[in-house]
Amino acid sequence: MELTQQVAALVFKLLELSRMDKVDWQETADEKAFLASVSKFVVTIGKEDFDSPPDYLLRVADQSGKTLEDARVLRREPNYGELESLYELARRRALHVDEALSDLLSSLENIK
């Protein structure tokens, strides 16, 4: 599904702010989905990799949990790269990947 202009703008802004570490991405019960609370909304980015390449899913819900927008983007569709980048950035932030790799590197440097 091609993203609406408004949802595409939302993805772009989330990606921009996530790169500046201004969006607090968190883990969910689903290990392939991550969420961020922004004002009175919750944005979830996830992927389904039943096929290769995976589909990316973006959901916007209100504070009561009601879904306001659901978007799925396939590989051949516009905005796929942006959703893929947002997913990977959200995953790295939520799982603290950079900190973990830094700790691992420090541990390796201490091995004599």
C-alpha atoms as a PDB file:
ATOM      1  CA  MET A   1       0.000   0.000   0.000  1.00  0.00           C
ATOM      2  CA  GLU A   2       1.425   3.363  -0.955  1.00  0.00           C
ATOM      3  CA  LEU A   3       1.579   5.714   2.002  1.00  0.00           C
ATOM      4  CA  THR A   4      -0.624   8.780   2.006  1.00  0.00           C
ATOM      5  CA  GLN A   5       1.209  12.077   1.815  1.00  0.00           C
ATOM      6  CA  GLN A   6       0.497  12.742   5.495  1.00  0.00           C
ATOM      7  CA  VAL A   7       1.773   9.333   6.638  1.00  0.00           C
ATOM      8  CA  ALA A   8       4.862   9.668   4.426  1.00  0.00           C
ATOM      9  CA  ALA A   9       5.552  13.040   6.097  1.00  0.00           C
ATOM     10  CA  LEU A  10       5.097  11.394   9.503  1.00  0.00           C
ATOM     11  CA  VAL A  11       7.615   8.665   8.620  1.00  0.00           C
ATOM     12  CA  PHE A  12      10.104  11.268   7.395  1.00  0.00           C
ATOM     13  CA  LYS A  13       9.762  13.325  10.612  1.00  0.00           C
ATOM     14  CA  LEU A  14      10.053  10.239  12.838  1.00  0.00           C
ATOM     15  CA  LEU A  15      13.157   9.177  10.949  1.00  0.00           C
ATOM     16  CA  GLU A  16      14.696  12.642  11.244  1.00  0.00           C
ATOM     17  CA  LEU A  17      13.987  12.937  14.986  1.00  0.00           C
ATOM     18  CA  SER A  18      15.060   9.337  15.655  1.00  0.00           C
ATOM     19  CA  ARG A  19      18.413  10.019  14.001  1.00  0.00           C
ATOM     20  CA  MET A  20      18.832  12.934  16.425  1.00  0.00           C
ATOM     21  CA  ASP A  21      17.942  10.564  19.306  1.00  0.00           C
ATOM     22  CA  LYS A  22      14.831  12.598  20.154  1.00  0.00           C
ATOM     23  CA  VAL A  23      12.346   9.726  19.916  1.00  0.00           C
ATOM     24  CA  ASP A  24      12.323   7.179  22.721  1.00  0.00           C
ATOM     25  CA  TRP A  25      11.784   3.817  21.020  1.00  0.00           C
ATOM     26  CA  GLN A  26      10.927   0.885  23.264  1.00  0.00           C
ATOM     27  CA  GLU A  27      10.585  -2.862  22.933  1.00  0.00           C
ATOM     28  CA  THR A  28       7.183  -4.531  22.705  1.00  0.00           C
ATOM     29  CA  ALA A  29       6.057  -8.087  23.439  1.00  0.00           C
ATOM     30  CA  ASP A  30       6.628  -8.763  19.728  1.00  0.00           C
ATOM     31  CA  GLU A  31      10.390  -8.908  19.164  1.00  0.00           C
ATOM     32  CA  LYS A  32       9.905  -7.534  15.640  1.00  0.00           C
ATOM     33  CA  ALA A  33       7.989  -4.410  16.681  1.00  0.00           C
ATOM     34  CA  PHE A  34       9.000  -1.261  18.512  1.00  0.00           C
ATOM     35  CA  LEU A  35       6.973   1.642  19.804  1.00  0.00           C
ATOM     36  CA  ALA A  36       7.344   5.269  20.686  1.00  0.00           C
ATOM     37  CA  SER A  37       4.947   7.430  22.671  1.00  0.00           C
ATOM     38  CA  VAL A  38       4.673  10.877  21.158  1.00  0.00           C
ATOM     39  CA  SER A  39       2.348  13.336  22.870  1.00  0.00           C
ATOM     40  CA  LYS A  40      -1.002  11.539  23.123  1.00  0.00           C
ATOM     41  CA  PHE A  41      -0.199   8.984  20.411  1.00  0.00           C
ATOM     42  CA  VAL A  42       1.680   5.708  20.157  1.00  0.00           C
ATOM     43  CA  VAL A  43       3.562   4.882  16.976  1.00  0.00           C
ATOM     44  CA  THR A  44       4.538   1.276  16.341  1.00  0.00           C
ATOM     45  CA  ILE A  45       6.925   0.115  13.628  1.00  0.00           C
ATOM     46  CA  GLY A  46       7.243  -3.577  12.901  1.00  0.00           C
ATOM     47  CA  LYS A  47       8.104  -6.053  10.235  1.00  0.00           C
ATOM     48  CA  GLU A  48       6.697  -9.293   8.956  1.00  0.00           C
ATOM     49  CA  ASP A  49       9.300 -11.413   7.294  1.00  0.00           C
ATOM     50  CA  PHE A  50       7.227 -14.318   6.068  1.00  0.00           C
ATOM     51  CA  ASP A  51       8.622 -13.426   2.671  1.00  0.00           C
ATOM     52  CA  SER A  52      11.936 -12.001   1.723  1.00  0.00           C
ATOM     53  CA  PRO A  53      12.207  -9.036   1.671  1.00  0.00           C
ATOM     54  CA  PRO A  54       9.934  -8.281   4.637  1.00  0.00           C
ATOM     55  CA  ASP A  55       6.868  -6.055   4.775  1.00  0.00           C
ATOM     56  CA  TYR A  56       7.069  -3.090   7.130  1.00  0.00           C
ATOM     57  CA  LEU A  57       4.095  -2.042   9.204  1.00  0.00           C
ATOM     58  CA  LEU A  58       3.405   1.338  10.724  1.00  0.00           C
ATOM     59  CA  ARG A  59       0.572   1.857  13.187  1.00  0.00           C
ATOM     60  CA  VAL A  60      -0.576   5.057  14.869  1.00  0.00           C
ATOM     61  CA  ALA A  61      -2.879   4.693  17.863  1.00  0.00           C
ATOM     62  CA  ASP A  62      -4.418   7.156  20.279  1.00  0.00           C
ATOM     63  CA  GLN A  63      -3.800   7.082  24.021  1.00  0.00           C
ATOM     64  CA  SER A  64      -6.661   4.631  24.562  1.00  0.00           C
ATOM     65  CA  GLY A  65      -5.119   2.190  22.085  1.00  0.00           C
ATOM     66  CA  LYS A  66      -7.541   2.782  19.217  1.00  0.00           C
ATOM     67  CA  THR A  67      -5.810   2.392  15.866  1.00  0.00           C
ATOM     68  CA  LEU A  68      -6.002   5.591  13.847  1.00  0.00           C
ATOM     69  CA  GLU A  69      -3.779   4.567  10.946  1.00  0.00           C
ATOM     70  CA  ASP A  70      -2.368   1.277   9.742  1.00  0.00           C
ATOM     71  CA  ALA A  71       0.048   1.133   6.832  1.00  0.00           C
ATOM     72  CA  ARG A  72       1.912  -1.787   5.280  1.00  0.00           C
ATOM     73  CA  VAL A  73       4.669  -1.175   2.777  1.00  0.00           C
ATOM     74  CA  LEU A  74       6.055  -3.835   0.444  1.00  0.00           C
ATOM     75  CA  ARG A  75       9.498  -3.858  -1.167  1.00  0.00           C
ATOM     76  CA  ARG A  76       8.374  -2.602  -4.560  1.00  0.00           C
ATOM     77  CA  GLU A  77       6.420   0.349  -3.160  1.00  0.00           C
ATOM     78  CA  PRO A  78       7.504   3.928  -2.593  1.00  0.00           C
ATOM     79  CA  ASN A  79       8.665   4.731   0.952  1.00  0.00           C
ATOM     80  CA  TYR A  80       9.953   1.178   1.527  1.00  0.00           C
ATOM     81  CA  GLY A  81      13.482   2.449   2.185  1.00  0.00           C
ATOM     82  CA  GLU A  82      12.286   5.025   4.690  1.00  0.00           C
ATOM     83  CA  LEU A  83      10.262   2.473   6.660  1.00  0.00           C
ATOM     84  CA  GLU A  84      13.140  -0.003   6.547  1.00  0.00           C
ATOM     85  CA  SER A  85      15.491   2.694   7.905  1.00  0.00           C
ATOM     86  CA  LEU A  86      13.002   3.752  10.581  1.00  0.00           C
ATOM     87  CA  TYR A  87      12.534   0.144  11.672  1.00  0.00           C
ATOM     88  CA  GLU A  88      16.263  -0.475  11.935  1.00  0.00           C
ATOM     89  CA  LEU A  89      16.840   2.768  13.823  1.00  0.00           C
ATOM     90  CA  ALA A  90      13.956   2.036  16.227  1.00  0.00           C
ATOM     91  CA  ARG A  91      15.311  -1.489  16.794  1.00  0.00           C
ATOM     92  CA  ARG A  92      18.829  -0.251  17.525  1.00  0.00           C
ATOM     93  CA  ARG A  93      17.550   2.443  19.913  1.00  0.00           C
ATOM     94  CA  ALA A  94      15.104   0.181  21.760  1.00  0.00           C
ATOM     95  CA  LEU A  95      17.643  -2.614  22.185  1.00  0.00           C
ATOM     96  CA  HIS A  96      20.529  -0.220  22.983  1.00  0.00           C
ATOM     97  CA  VAL A  97      22.614  -1.911  20.298  1.00  0.00           C
ATOM     98  CA  ASP A  98      25.299   0.776  20.082  1.00  0.00           C
ATOM     99  CA  GLU A  99      25.896   0.689  23.844  1.00  0.00           C
ATOM    100  CA  ALA A 100      26.046  -3.109  23.827  1.00  0.00           C
ATOM    101  CA  LEU A 101      28.562  -3.170  20.994  1.00  0.00           C
ATOM    102  CA  SER A 102      30.654  -0.526  22.723  1.00  0.00           C
ATOM    103  CA  ASP A 103      30.651  -2.592  25.934  1.00  0.00           C
ATOM    104  CA  LEU A 104      31.601  -5.694  23.999  1.00  0.00           C
ATOM    105  CA  LEU A 105      34.440  -3.887  22.265  1.00  0.00           C
ATOM    106  CA  SER A 106      35.744  -2.600  25.624  1.00  0.00           C
ATOM    107  CA  SER A 107      35.586  -6.127  27.051  1.00  0.00           C
ATOM    108  CA  LEU A 108      37.504  -7.489  24.085  1.00  0.00           C
ATOM    109  CA  GLU A 109      40.169  -4.803  24.458  1.00  0.00           C
ATOM    110  CA  ASN A 110      40.666  -5.846  28.099  1.00  0.00           C
ATOM    111  CA  ILE A 111      41.431  -9.448  27.168  1.00  0.00           C
ATOM    112  CA  LYS A 112      45.142 -10.074  27.408  1.00  0.00           C
END
